[in-house]
Amino acid sequence: MTPPEDNVLVREVRMAARPETIFPFLTDPEKMKQWKGINVSLSPQPGGIYRADINGRDVMRGEYLEIVPFSRVVFSFGWEGENSQLPPGSSKVEISLIPEGSTTLLRLRHLNLPVEQHPPHSEGWDHFLERLTAVAEGRNPGPDSWAEADGMASESEGAVSA
């Protein structure tokens, strides 16, 4: 069943990198830490864990649902914690890597995301996709301001995002 389109958040980013360069940043924990998370546990196979401690307080967790090397990664998504408004596994993220000459269009679709969760997750995906673009293009994104002690409010305060 396809979720209603108002429950889907879409982001597209063009990167000056090939899918073969970008893909490991979605599946290798050491590479992911370069752009998202201070502690990352990944097991990139269907049913494998997808978990990242974003800032020492907010932990996203899900499991890989589909992996097509160099072209597609799909995982369930949510936030750990008793008061989570989006518990682990309650939504799904699809990332497609579409080669276009020497660049790649990364298309992210966050499905089953309640409309009230769109603003914080839009902010989060924009933040992290900018950092992913930097590392994929061989640039240093610098320290993640969200991983600093006071860089981001906790989810219980309504400010956590992807």
N, C-alpha and C. Protein backbone atom coordinates (compact mmCIF):
# COMPACT_ATOMS: atom_id res chain seq x y z
N MET A 1 0.85 -1.19 0.00
CA MET A 1 0.00 0.00 0.00
C MET A 1 0.89 1.24 0.00
N THR A 2 0.61 2.17 -0.84
CA THR A 2 1.37 3.41 -0.94
C THR A 2 0.82 4.41 0.06
N PRO A 3 1.69 5.02 0.88
CA PRO A 3 1.19 6.00 1.84
C PRO A 3 0.70 7.26 1.13
N PRO A 4 -0.21 7.99 1.77
CA PRO A 4 -0.64 9.25 1.17
C PRO A 4 0.57 10.16 0.96
N GLU A 5 0.57 10.92 -0.13
CA GLU A 5 1.73 11.76 -0.45
C GLU A 5 2.02 12.80 0.63
N ASP A 6 1.01 13.20 1.44
CA ASP A 6 1.31 14.17 2.48
C ASP A 6 2.12 13.55 3.62
N ASN A 7 2.28 12.24 3.63
CA ASN A 7 3.11 11.56 4.63
C ASN A 7 4.48 11.22 4.07
N VAL A 8 4.85 11.85 2.95
CA VAL A 8 6.15 11.60 2.32
C VAL A 8 6.92 12.91 2.24
N LEU A 9 8.14 12.88 2.75
CA LEU A 9 9.05 14.02 2.65
C LEU A 9 10.09 13.67 1.60
N VAL A 10 10.30 14.56 0.63
CA VAL A 10 11.23 14.28 -0.47
C VAL A 10 12.33 15.33 -0.48
N ARG A 11 13.55 14.86 -0.64
CA ARG A 11 14.70 15.74 -0.81
C ARG A 11 15.52 15.23 -1.99
N GLU A 12 16.02 16.15 -2.83
CA GLU A 12 16.91 15.80 -3.94
C GLU A 12 18.14 16.69 -3.88
N VAL A 13 19.29 16.06 -4.03
CA VAL A 13 20.56 16.77 -3.99
C VAL A 13 21.43 16.25 -5.11
N ARG A 14 22.02 17.15 -5.88
CA ARG A 14 22.97 16.76 -6.93
C ARG A 14 24.37 16.87 -6.34
N MET A 15 25.15 15.80 -6.53
CA MET A 15 26.50 15.75 -6.00
C MET A 15 27.50 15.54 -7.12
N ALA A 16 28.63 16.20 -7.00
CA ALA A 16 29.72 16.03 -7.97
C ALA A 16 30.54 14.81 -7.57
N ALA A 17 29.87 13.66 -7.59
CA ALA A 17 30.50 12.39 -7.23
C ALA A 17 29.68 11.27 -7.87
N ARG A 18 30.33 10.16 -8.11
CA ARG A 18 29.66 9.00 -8.70
C ARG A 18 28.94 8.20 -7.61
N PRO A 19 27.91 7.43 -7.97
CA PRO A 19 27.22 6.59 -6.99
C PRO A 19 28.17 5.66 -6.23
N GLU A 20 29.20 5.16 -6.91
CA GLU A 20 30.16 4.25 -6.27
C GLU A 20 30.93 4.95 -5.14
N THR A 21 31.06 6.25 -5.23
CA THR A 21 31.71 7.02 -4.18
C THR A 21 30.75 7.31 -3.04
N ILE A 22 29.51 7.61 -3.36
CA ILE A 22 28.51 8.00 -2.35
C ILE A 22 28.01 6.80 -1.55
N PHE A 23 27.78 5.67 -2.21
CA PHE A 23 27.15 4.51 -1.59
C PHE A 23 27.80 4.08 -0.27
N PRO A 24 29.14 3.99 -0.17
CA PRO A 24 29.74 3.56 1.10
C PRO A 24 29.43 4.50 2.27
N PHE A 25 29.13 5.75 2.01
CA PHE A 25 28.77 6.68 3.08
C PHE A 25 27.40 6.35 3.67
N LEU A 26 26.64 5.47 3.01
CA LEU A 26 25.33 5.04 3.49
C LEU A 26 25.37 3.66 4.15
N THR A 27 26.50 2.97 4.04
CA THR A 27 26.56 1.57 4.50
C THR A 27 27.76 1.26 5.39
N ASP A 28 28.77 2.10 5.41
CA ASP A 28 29.99 1.85 6.19
C ASP A 28 29.96 2.77 7.42
N PRO A 29 29.97 2.19 8.63
CA PRO A 29 29.84 3.04 9.83
C PRO A 29 30.93 4.10 9.96
N GLU A 30 32.16 3.79 9.62
CA GLU A 30 33.23 4.77 9.73
C GLU A 30 33.03 5.92 8.73
N LYS A 31 32.56 5.59 7.55
CA LYS A 31 32.30 6.65 6.56
C LYS A 31 31.07 7.47 6.96
N MET A 32 30.04 6.81 7.52
CA MET A 32 28.85 7.56 7.92
C MET A 32 29.20 8.55 9.02
N LYS A 33 30.08 8.18 9.95
CA LYS A 33 30.44 9.10 11.04
C LYS A 33 31.07 10.38 10.52
N GLN A 34 31.56 10.38 9.31
CA GLN A 34 32.15 11.59 8.74
C GLN A 34 31.09 12.66 8.47
N TRP A 35 29.82 12.22 8.32
CA TRP A 35 28.77 13.19 8.00
C TRP A 35 27.55 13.12 8.92
N LYS A 36 27.36 11.98 9.61
CA LYS A 36 26.17 11.85 10.46
C LYS A 36 26.45 10.90 11.62
N GLY A 37 26.37 11.43 12.83
CA GLY A 37 26.45 10.59 14.01
C GLY A 37 27.81 10.58 14.68
N ILE A 38 27.78 10.41 15.99
CA ILE A 38 29.03 10.31 16.74
C ILE A 38 29.34 8.86 17.10
N ASN A 39 28.33 8.02 17.03
CA ASN A 39 28.48 6.58 17.25
C ASN A 39 27.50 5.90 16.31
N VAL A 40 28.01 5.07 15.40
CA VAL A 40 27.18 4.49 14.35
C VAL A 40 27.36 2.97 14.34
N SER A 41 26.24 2.26 14.28
CA SER A 41 26.24 0.79 14.13
C SER A 41 25.42 0.46 12.89
N LEU A 42 26.06 -0.16 11.92
CA LEU A 42 25.38 -0.52 10.68
C LEU A 42 25.69 -1.97 10.34
N SER A 43 24.69 -2.66 9.85
CA SER A 43 24.86 -4.00 9.29
C SER A 43 24.09 -3.99 7.97
N PRO A 44 24.76 -3.56 6.89
CA PRO A 44 24.06 -3.30 5.62
C PRO A 44 23.64 -4.55 4.87
N GLN A 45 22.58 -5.16 5.38
CA GLN A 45 21.93 -6.30 4.73
C GLN A 45 20.48 -6.28 5.17
N PRO A 46 19.56 -6.81 4.38
CA PRO A 46 18.16 -6.81 4.80
C PRO A 46 18.01 -7.42 6.20
N GLY A 47 17.38 -6.68 7.09
CA GLY A 47 17.21 -7.09 8.47
C GLY A 47 18.33 -6.62 9.38
N GLY A 48 19.39 -6.05 8.81
CA GLY A 48 20.52 -5.57 9.60
C GLY A 48 20.24 -4.22 10.24
N ILE A 49 20.94 -3.94 11.33
CA ILE A 49 20.71 -2.70 12.08
C ILE A 49 21.20 -1.46 11.35
N TYR A 50 20.43 -0.40 11.53
CA TYR A 50 20.78 0.94 11.06
C TYR A 50 20.58 1.83 12.28
N ARG A 51 21.68 2.23 12.93
CA ARG A 51 21.58 2.98 14.18
C ARG A 51 22.67 4.04 14.25
N ALA A 52 22.28 5.26 14.61
CA ALA A 52 23.25 6.35 14.74
C ALA A 52 22.87 7.24 15.92
N ASP A 53 23.82 7.41 16.81
CA ASP A 53 23.70 8.37 17.90
C ASP A 53 24.12 9.71 17.29
N ILE A 54 23.17 10.60 17.11
CA ILE A 54 23.41 11.84 16.39
C ILE A 54 24.26 12.81 17.19
N ASN A 55 24.00 12.92 18.49
CA ASN A 55 24.63 14.00 19.26
C ASN A 55 24.89 13.66 20.72
N GLY A 56 24.81 12.39 21.09
CA GLY A 56 24.98 12.02 22.49
C GLY A 56 23.67 11.98 23.25
N ARG A 57 22.57 12.40 22.62
CA ARG A 57 21.25 12.38 23.24
C ARG A 57 20.20 11.73 22.36
N ASP A 58 20.28 11.97 21.06
CA ASP A 58 19.24 11.54 20.13
C ASP A 58 19.77 10.41 19.26
N VAL A 59 19.08 9.26 19.33
CA VAL A 59 19.54 8.07 18.62
C VAL A 59 18.46 7.62 17.64
N MET A 60 18.84 7.62 16.35
CA MET A 60 17.93 7.11 15.33
C MET A 60 18.20 5.62 15.16
N ARG A 61 17.12 4.85 14.95
CA ARG A 61 17.30 3.41 14.80
C ARG A 61 16.26 2.85 13.84
N GLY A 62 16.71 1.88 13.09
CA GLY A 62 15.85 1.14 12.18
C GLY A 62 16.60 -0.08 11.72
N GLU A 63 16.14 -0.61 10.60
CA GLU A 63 16.86 -1.74 10.00
C GLU A 63 16.84 -1.59 8.49
N TYR A 64 17.91 -2.08 7.90
CA TYR A 64 17.98 -2.07 6.44
C TYR A 64 16.90 -2.98 5.89
N LEU A 65 16.20 -2.52 4.88
CA LEU A 65 15.14 -3.30 4.24
C LEU A 65 15.55 -3.75 2.84
N GLU A 66 16.34 -2.92 2.16
CA GLU A 66 16.77 -3.23 0.80
C GLU A 66 18.09 -2.54 0.53
N ILE A 67 18.99 -3.25 -0.12
CA ILE A 67 20.27 -2.67 -0.52
C ILE A 67 20.59 -3.14 -1.93
N VAL A 68 20.74 -2.18 -2.82
CA VAL A 68 21.16 -2.45 -4.20
C VAL A 68 22.45 -1.66 -4.38
N PRO A 69 23.59 -2.36 -4.38
CA PRO A 69 24.87 -1.64 -4.41
C PRO A 69 24.92 -0.54 -5.47
N PHE A 70 25.36 0.61 -5.00
CA PHE A 70 25.62 1.80 -5.81
C PHE A 70 24.37 2.46 -6.37
N SER A 71 23.15 1.98 -6.00
CA SER A 71 21.97 2.64 -6.54
C SER A 71 20.82 2.87 -5.56
N ARG A 72 20.69 2.04 -4.51
CA ARG A 72 19.51 2.19 -3.66
C ARG A 72 19.76 1.61 -2.26
N VAL A 73 19.29 2.36 -1.26
CA VAL A 73 19.32 1.92 0.13
C VAL A 73 17.96 2.26 0.73
N VAL A 74 17.34 1.29 1.39
CA VAL A 74 16.05 1.51 2.04
C VAL A 74 16.17 0.99 3.47
N PHE A 75 15.71 1.79 4.43
CA PHE A 75 15.76 1.36 5.83
C PHE A 75 14.55 1.90 6.57
N SER A 76 14.16 1.17 7.63
CA SER A 76 13.13 1.70 8.51
C SER A 76 13.80 2.74 9.40
N PHE A 77 12.98 3.60 10.00
CA PHE A 77 13.54 4.76 10.69
C PHE A 77 12.65 5.14 11.86
N GLY A 78 13.29 5.60 12.92
CA GLY A 78 12.60 6.17 14.07
C GLY A 78 13.63 6.59 15.09
N TRP A 79 13.13 7.08 16.23
CA TRP A 79 14.00 7.58 17.30
C TRP A 79 13.80 6.76 18.55
N GLU A 80 14.91 6.36 19.18
CA GLU A 80 14.84 5.65 20.45
C GLU A 80 14.35 6.60 21.54
N GLY A 81 13.78 6.03 22.58
CA GLY A 81 13.35 6.83 23.73
C GLY A 81 11.89 6.62 24.04
N GLU A 82 11.58 6.65 25.32
CA GLU A 82 10.21 6.42 25.78
C GLU A 82 9.21 7.42 25.20
N ASN A 83 9.63 8.67 25.06
CA ASN A 83 8.71 9.71 24.61
C ASN A 83 8.80 10.01 23.11
N SER A 84 9.39 9.10 22.36
CA SER A 84 9.57 9.33 20.93
C SER A 84 8.23 9.46 20.23
N GLN A 85 8.11 10.53 19.45
CA GLN A 85 6.91 10.72 18.65
C GLN A 85 6.99 9.95 17.33
N LEU A 86 8.17 9.39 17.05
CA LEU A 86 8.39 8.60 15.85
C LEU A 86 9.28 7.42 16.25
N PRO A 87 8.68 6.37 16.85
CA PRO A 87 9.50 5.26 17.36
C PRO A 87 10.19 4.47 16.25
N PRO A 88 11.27 3.76 16.60
CA PRO A 88 12.00 2.98 15.60
C PRO A 88 11.06 2.08 14.78
N GLY A 89 11.28 2.10 13.48
CA GLY A 89 10.50 1.27 12.57
C GLY A 89 9.18 1.86 12.12
N SER A 90 8.82 3.04 12.62
CA SER A 90 7.51 3.59 12.29
C SER A 90 7.48 4.35 10.97
N SER A 91 8.66 4.62 10.40
CA SER A 91 8.70 5.26 9.09
C SER A 91 9.77 4.56 8.25
N LYS A 92 9.88 4.96 7.00
CA LYS A 92 10.81 4.31 6.08
C LYS A 92 11.50 5.37 5.24
N VAL A 93 12.81 5.16 5.00
CA VAL A 93 13.59 6.08 4.18
C VAL A 93 14.11 5.32 2.97
N GLU A 94 13.87 5.87 1.78
CA GLU A 94 14.38 5.31 0.53
C GLU A 94 15.37 6.32 -0.05
N ILE A 95 16.57 5.85 -0.33
CA ILE A 95 17.58 6.70 -0.95
C ILE A 95 17.98 6.07 -2.27
N SER A 96 17.81 6.84 -3.35
CA SER A 96 18.20 6.38 -4.68
C SER A 96 19.36 7.24 -5.16
N LEU A 97 20.34 6.59 -5.78
CA LEU A 97 21.49 7.27 -6.37
C LEU A 97 21.37 7.14 -7.88
N ILE A 98 21.12 8.24 -8.55
CA ILE A 98 20.84 8.24 -9.98
C ILE A 98 22.00 8.93 -10.70
N PRO A 99 22.82 8.14 -11.45
CA PRO A 99 23.96 8.76 -12.14
C PRO A 99 23.49 9.67 -13.27
N GLU A 100 24.14 10.82 -13.37
CA GLU A 100 23.84 11.78 -14.43
C GLU A 100 25.18 12.37 -14.89
N GLY A 101 25.80 11.71 -15.86
CA GLY A 101 27.11 12.15 -16.32
C GLY A 101 28.14 11.95 -15.22
N SER A 102 28.86 13.01 -14.88
CA SER A 102 29.87 12.91 -13.82
C SER A 102 29.29 13.24 -12.45
N THR A 103 27.98 13.48 -12.39
CA THR A 103 27.33 13.79 -11.11
C THR A 103 26.32 12.70 -10.76
N THR A 104 25.77 12.81 -9.57
CA THR A 104 24.74 11.88 -9.11
C THR A 104 23.62 12.69 -8.48
N LEU A 105 22.40 12.32 -8.83
CA LEU A 105 21.23 12.87 -8.16
C LEU A 105 20.87 11.91 -7.03
N LEU A 106 20.95 12.40 -5.80
CA LEU A 106 20.50 11.61 -4.65
C LEU A 106 19.06 12.03 -4.38
N ARG A 107 18.16 11.06 -4.44
CA ARG A 107 16.73 11.31 -4.15
C ARG A 107 16.39 10.56 -2.87
N LEU A 108 15.97 11.31 -1.87
CA LEU A 108 15.58 10.74 -0.59
C LEU A 108 14.08 10.90 -0.43
N ARG A 109 13.42 9.81 -0.08
CA ARG A 109 11.99 9.84 0.22
C ARG A 109 11.81 9.26 1.62
N HIS A 110 11.27 10.06 2.52
CA HIS A 110 10.99 9.62 3.89
C HIS A 110 9.49 9.37 3.96
N LEU A 111 9.09 8.10 4.00
CA LEU A 111 7.69 7.69 3.93
C LEU A 111 7.11 7.43 5.31
N ASN A 112 5.78 7.48 5.39
CA ASN A 112 5.04 7.24 6.63
C ASN A 112 5.44 8.23 7.71
N LEU A 113 5.80 9.43 7.30
CA LEU A 113 6.22 10.48 8.22
C LEU A 113 5.03 11.39 8.47
N PRO A 114 4.50 11.40 9.69
CA PRO A 114 3.36 12.28 9.97
C PRO A 114 3.68 13.72 9.60
N VAL A 115 2.67 14.41 9.09
CA VAL A 115 2.84 15.78 8.60
C VAL A 115 3.47 16.68 9.66
N GLU A 116 3.10 16.50 10.93
CA GLU A 116 3.66 17.36 11.98
C GLU A 116 5.14 17.09 12.21
N GLN A 117 5.65 15.98 11.69
CA GLN A 117 7.08 15.66 11.80
C GLN A 117 7.88 16.19 10.61
N HIS A 118 7.21 16.71 9.58
CA HIS A 118 7.92 17.20 8.40
C HIS A 118 8.89 18.34 8.71
N PRO A 119 8.49 19.38 9.45
CA PRO A 119 9.44 20.48 9.67
C PRO A 119 10.76 20.05 10.33
N PRO A 120 10.74 19.33 11.46
CA PRO A 120 12.02 18.97 12.06
C PRO A 120 12.82 17.99 11.20
N HIS A 121 12.15 17.10 10.50
CA HIS A 121 12.88 16.15 9.67
C HIS A 121 13.38 16.80 8.38
N SER A 122 12.64 17.78 7.87
CA SER A 122 13.16 18.55 6.73
C SER A 122 14.45 19.24 7.12
N GLU A 123 14.46 19.86 8.27
CA GLU A 123 15.66 20.54 8.76
C GLU A 123 16.80 19.54 8.93
N GLY A 124 16.49 18.39 9.49
CA GLY A 124 17.51 17.37 9.70
C GLY A 124 18.09 16.82 8.42
N TRP A 125 17.23 16.44 7.48
CA TRP A 125 17.74 15.90 6.22
C TRP A 125 18.53 16.97 5.46
N ASP A 126 18.07 18.20 5.47
CA ASP A 126 18.83 19.26 4.80
C ASP A 126 20.22 19.40 5.43
N HIS A 127 20.27 19.39 6.74
CA HIS A 127 21.55 19.50 7.46
C HIS A 127 22.49 18.35 7.09
N PHE A 128 21.99 17.13 7.19
CA PHE A 128 22.87 15.99 6.97
C PHE A 128 23.18 15.75 5.49
N LEU A 129 22.25 16.05 4.59
CA LEU A 129 22.56 15.89 3.16
C LEU A 129 23.62 16.90 2.71
N GLU A 130 23.62 18.07 3.30
CA GLU A 130 24.68 19.04 3.00
C GLU A 130 26.04 18.48 3.44
N ARG A 131 26.08 17.85 4.60
CA ARG A 131 27.32 17.25 5.10
C ARG A 131 27.72 16.04 4.24
N LEU A 132 26.75 15.23 3.83
CA LEU A 132 27.04 14.09 2.96
C LEU A 132 27.60 14.58 1.63
N THR A 133 27.01 15.61 1.07
CA THR A 133 27.51 16.15 -0.19
C THR A 133 28.97 16.56 -0.06
N ALA A 134 29.30 17.22 1.03
CA ALA A 134 30.70 17.65 1.24
C ALA A 134 31.65 16.47 1.25
N VAL A 135 31.36 15.44 2.05
CA VAL A 135 32.30 14.31 2.13
C VAL A 135 32.34 13.52 0.83
N ALA A 136 31.20 13.36 0.16
CA ALA A 136 31.17 12.63 -1.10
C ALA A 136 31.98 13.34 -2.18
N GLU A 137 32.01 14.67 -2.10
CA GLU A 137 32.77 15.46 -3.07
C GLU A 137 34.22 15.68 -2.64
N GLY A 138 34.62 15.02 -1.55
CA GLY A 138 36.00 15.10 -1.09
C GLY A 138 36.34 16.31 -0.25
N ARG A 139 35.31 17.00 0.24
CA ARG A 139 35.53 18.16 1.10
C ARG A 139 35.30 17.78 2.56
N ASN A 140 35.88 18.54 3.47
CA ASN A 140 35.69 18.32 4.90
C ASN A 140 34.48 19.12 5.35
N PRO A 141 33.43 18.45 5.88
CA PRO A 141 32.25 19.20 6.32
C PRO A 141 32.48 19.96 7.62
N GLY A 142 33.61 19.72 8.28
CA GLY A 142 33.88 20.35 9.57
C GLY A 142 33.12 19.68 10.68
N PRO A 143 33.32 20.14 11.90
CA PRO A 143 32.60 19.54 13.04
C PRO A 143 31.10 19.74 12.88
N ASP A 144 30.35 18.76 13.30
CA ASP A 144 28.89 18.85 13.22
C ASP A 144 28.39 19.66 14.41
N SER A 145 27.83 20.82 14.16
CA SER A 145 27.33 21.68 15.24
C SER A 145 26.24 20.98 16.05
N TRP A 146 25.54 20.02 15.45
CA TRP A 146 24.49 19.31 16.17
C TRP A 146 25.06 18.30 17.14
N ALA A 147 26.31 17.92 16.98
CA ALA A 147 26.93 16.95 17.87
C ALA A 147 27.57 17.62 19.08
N GLU A 148 27.61 18.96 19.07
CA GLU A 148 28.16 19.69 20.20
C GLU A 148 27.15 19.69 21.35
N ALA A 149 27.64 19.90 22.55
CA ALA A 149 26.82 19.78 23.76
C ALA A 149 25.50 20.55 23.69
N ASP A 150 25.54 21.78 23.21
CA ASP A 150 24.32 22.59 23.18
C ASP A 150 23.85 22.85 21.76
N GLY A 151 24.29 22.02 20.81
CA GLY A 151 24.00 22.28 19.41
C GLY A 151 22.58 22.00 18.98
N MET A 152 21.84 21.19 19.76
CA MET A 152 20.53 20.79 19.28
C MET A 152 19.65 20.41 20.46
N ALA A 153 18.41 20.80 20.44
CA ALA A 153 17.47 20.42 21.49
C ALA A 153 17.10 18.95 21.32
N SER A 154 16.64 18.34 22.37
CA SER A 154 16.28 16.92 22.29
C SER A 154 14.92 16.75 21.65
N GLU A 155 14.63 15.50 21.24
CA GLU A 155 13.37 15.22 20.58
C GLU A 155 12.19 15.56 21.47
N SER A 156 12.33 15.34 22.78
CA SER A 156 11.22 15.64 23.66
C SER A 156 10.86 17.12 23.61
N GLU A 157 11.80 17.94 23.15
CA GLU A 157 11.53 19.36 22.98
C GLU A 157 11.03 19.65 21.57
N GLY A 158 10.92 18.61 20.74
CA GLY A 158 10.34 18.77 19.42
C GLY A 158 11.32 19.23 18.35
N ALA A 159 12.64 19.17 18.61
CA ALA A 159 13.57 19.71 17.64
C ALA A 159 14.42 18.66 16.95
N VAL A 160 14.23 17.40 17.27
CA VAL A 160 15.05 16.38 16.61
C VAL A 160 14.60 16.19 15.19
N SER A 161 15.56 15.97 14.35
CA SER A 161 15.26 15.74 12.95
C SER A 161 16.17 14.65 12.44
N ALA A 162 15.98 14.33 11.18
CA ALA A 162 16.74 13.24 10.60
C ALA A 162 18.20 13.56 10.66
